[in-house]
Amino acid sequence: MKKRILVAFLALTMLLSGLSLAPIQTQAASSEYKGVWFAYYDYENYLSSYSKNNSGNFTKYFDKVLNNCKAKGFNTIIVHVRAFGDAYYKSKYFPTAASIAGKQGASLSYDPLKIMVKEAHKKGL
């Protein structure tokens, strides 16, 4: 009798533990967060790809980055905006980053962050 109760208990335990391990979908697939990090050294690729550092060239470069993100299934891009006490946006407090301007503190005729946000939103990122 004890053996039967023990076997029944073990079978019930195994059955219940198997049910609790079943995957539960909590989010719809369309609301998944699939992000990519655009780090400070990615800006250096821009500088090495174009001879002129201007808003048009930066927009073209970043558009290619966004197209690549979309093609790989990402729906979010996170951009690095402060790396070494400098900035990848127009700031009255921090110098412009060397990896976007060529030299730390050099003046830019455009705001890289403004372009990145605008272009990413156009692509639904």
Protein backbone atom coordinates (compact mmCIF):
# COMPACT_ATOMS: atom_id res chain seq x y z
CA MET A 1 0.00 0.00 0.00
CA LYS A 2 2.78 2.42 0.94
CA LYS A 3 4.53 1.60 -2.31
CA ARG A 4 1.40 2.44 -4.35
CA ILE A 5 0.98 5.77 -2.56
CA LEU A 6 4.65 6.60 -3.14
CA VAL A 7 4.41 5.74 -6.85
CA ALA A 8 1.22 7.79 -7.21
CA PHE A 9 2.83 10.72 -5.40
CA LEU A 10 5.94 10.57 -7.61
CA ALA A 11 3.82 10.34 -10.78
CA LEU A 12 1.71 13.32 -9.69
CA THR A 13 4.86 15.32 -8.80
CA MET A 14 6.40 14.57 -12.19
CA LEU A 15 3.19 15.51 -13.97
CA LEU A 16 2.83 18.80 -12.12
CA SER A 17 6.50 19.74 -12.52
CA GLY A 18 6.26 19.07 -16.25
CA LEU A 19 3.31 21.41 -16.53
CA SER A 20 5.09 24.22 -14.74
CA LEU A 21 8.01 24.02 -17.18
CA ALA A 22 5.81 24.61 -20.20
CA PRO A 23 6.68 27.89 -21.94
CA ILE A 24 4.28 30.71 -21.34
CA GLN A 25 4.12 33.49 -23.89
CA THR A 26 3.76 36.81 -22.09
CA GLN A 27 4.25 39.20 -25.01
CA ALA A 28 3.07 39.24 -28.56
CA ALA A 29 5.92 38.74 -31.03
CA SER A 30 5.38 42.20 -32.50
CA SER A 31 6.17 43.90 -29.19
CA GLU A 32 9.52 42.18 -28.66
CA TYR A 33 12.44 44.47 -27.94
CA LYS A 34 15.29 43.64 -30.31
CA GLY A 35 17.96 46.26 -29.91
CA VAL A 36 21.40 47.02 -31.21
CA TRP A 37 24.05 49.24 -29.62
CA PHE A 38 25.70 51.90 -31.81
CA ALA A 39 28.89 52.52 -29.85
CA TYR A 40 31.32 55.44 -29.94
CA TYR A 41 33.77 53.57 -32.17
CA ASP A 42 31.05 53.12 -34.81
CA TYR A 43 31.25 56.86 -35.45
CA GLU A 44 34.89 56.40 -36.47
CA ASN A 45 33.69 54.16 -39.32
CA TYR A 46 31.73 57.16 -40.59
CA LEU A 47 34.80 59.42 -40.56
CA SER A 48 36.85 56.83 -42.45
CA SER A 49 34.07 56.31 -45.03
CA TYR A 50 33.55 59.93 -46.12
CA SER A 51 36.06 62.63 -47.02
CA LYS A 52 33.71 65.45 -45.89
CA ASN A 53 32.13 65.53 -42.47
CA ASN A 54 28.73 67.16 -43.03
CA SER A 55 25.08 66.50 -42.28
CA GLY A 56 24.35 65.01 -45.72
CA ASN A 57 27.14 62.45 -45.50
CA PHE A 58 26.34 61.61 -41.89
CA THR A 59 22.67 61.13 -42.79
CA LYS A 60 23.63 58.78 -45.67
CA TYR A 61 25.96 56.80 -43.42
CA PHE A 62 23.45 56.47 -40.60
CA ASP A 63 20.71 55.53 -43.06
CA LYS A 64 22.88 52.58 -44.14
CA VAL A 65 23.32 51.62 -40.49
CA LEU A 66 19.55 51.72 -39.96
CA ASN A 67 18.84 49.70 -43.12
CA ASN A 68 21.28 47.07 -41.87
CA CYS A 69 19.53 47.01 -38.47
CA LYS A 70 16.12 46.58 -40.09
CA ALA A 71 17.41 43.83 -42.40
CA LYS A 72 18.73 41.91 -39.38
CA GLY A 73 15.38 42.16 -37.56
CA PHE A 74 16.17 44.83 -34.98
CA ASN A 75 13.43 47.24 -33.92
CA THR A 76 15.48 49.44 -31.60
CA ILE A 77 18.81 51.23 -31.87
CA ILE A 78 20.59 52.65 -28.85
CA VAL A 79 23.20 55.25 -29.68
CA HIS A 80 26.22 56.17 -27.59
CA VAL A 81 26.04 59.92 -26.91
CA ARG A 82 28.72 60.42 -24.22
CA ALA A 83 31.92 58.40 -24.18
CA PHE A 84 34.91 60.29 -22.76
CA GLY A 85 33.46 63.40 -21.14
CA ASP A 86 32.50 64.61 -24.60
CA ALA A 87 29.29 64.62 -26.61
CA TYR A 88 27.86 63.30 -29.89
CA TYR A 89 25.33 66.13 -29.90
CA LYS A 90 25.48 69.91 -29.76
CA SER A 91 26.18 70.89 -26.18
CA LYS A 92 27.10 74.09 -24.41
CA TYR A 93 28.62 72.04 -21.57
CA PHE A 94 30.64 69.27 -23.23
CA PRO A 95 33.13 69.33 -26.11
CA THR A 96 32.27 67.55 -29.34
CA ALA A 97 33.59 63.98 -29.42
CA ALA A 98 36.76 63.32 -31.38
CA SER A 99 35.34 60.19 -33.02
CA ILE A 100 32.61 62.24 -34.73
CA ALA A 101 34.43 65.55 -35.26
CA GLY A 102 37.96 64.29 -35.94
CA LYS A 103 39.30 66.17 -32.91
CA GLN A 104 37.75 66.63 -29.49
CA GLY A 105 36.04 69.99 -29.22
CA ALA A 106 36.06 70.64 -32.98
CA SER A 107 32.97 72.40 -34.27
CA LEU A 108 30.34 70.54 -36.28
CA SER A 109 27.83 72.16 -38.62
CA TYR A 110 25.16 69.62 -37.64
CA ASP A 111 23.81 67.79 -34.61
CA PRO A 112 24.49 64.03 -35.00
CA LEU A 113 22.00 63.02 -32.32
CA LYS A 114 19.22 65.05 -33.90
CA ILE A 115 19.87 63.34 -37.25
CA MET A 116 20.02 59.88 -35.66
CA VAL A 117 16.73 60.31 -33.82
CA LYS A 118 14.97 61.74 -36.89
CA GLU A 119 16.24 59.02 -39.25
CA ALA A 120 15.60 56.17 -36.79
CA HIS A 121 12.02 57.31 -36.28
CA LYS A 122 11.50 57.49 -40.05
CA LYS A 123 12.47 53.80 -40.21
CA GLY A 124 10.29 52.83 -37.26
CA LEU A 125 13.17 52.26 -34.88
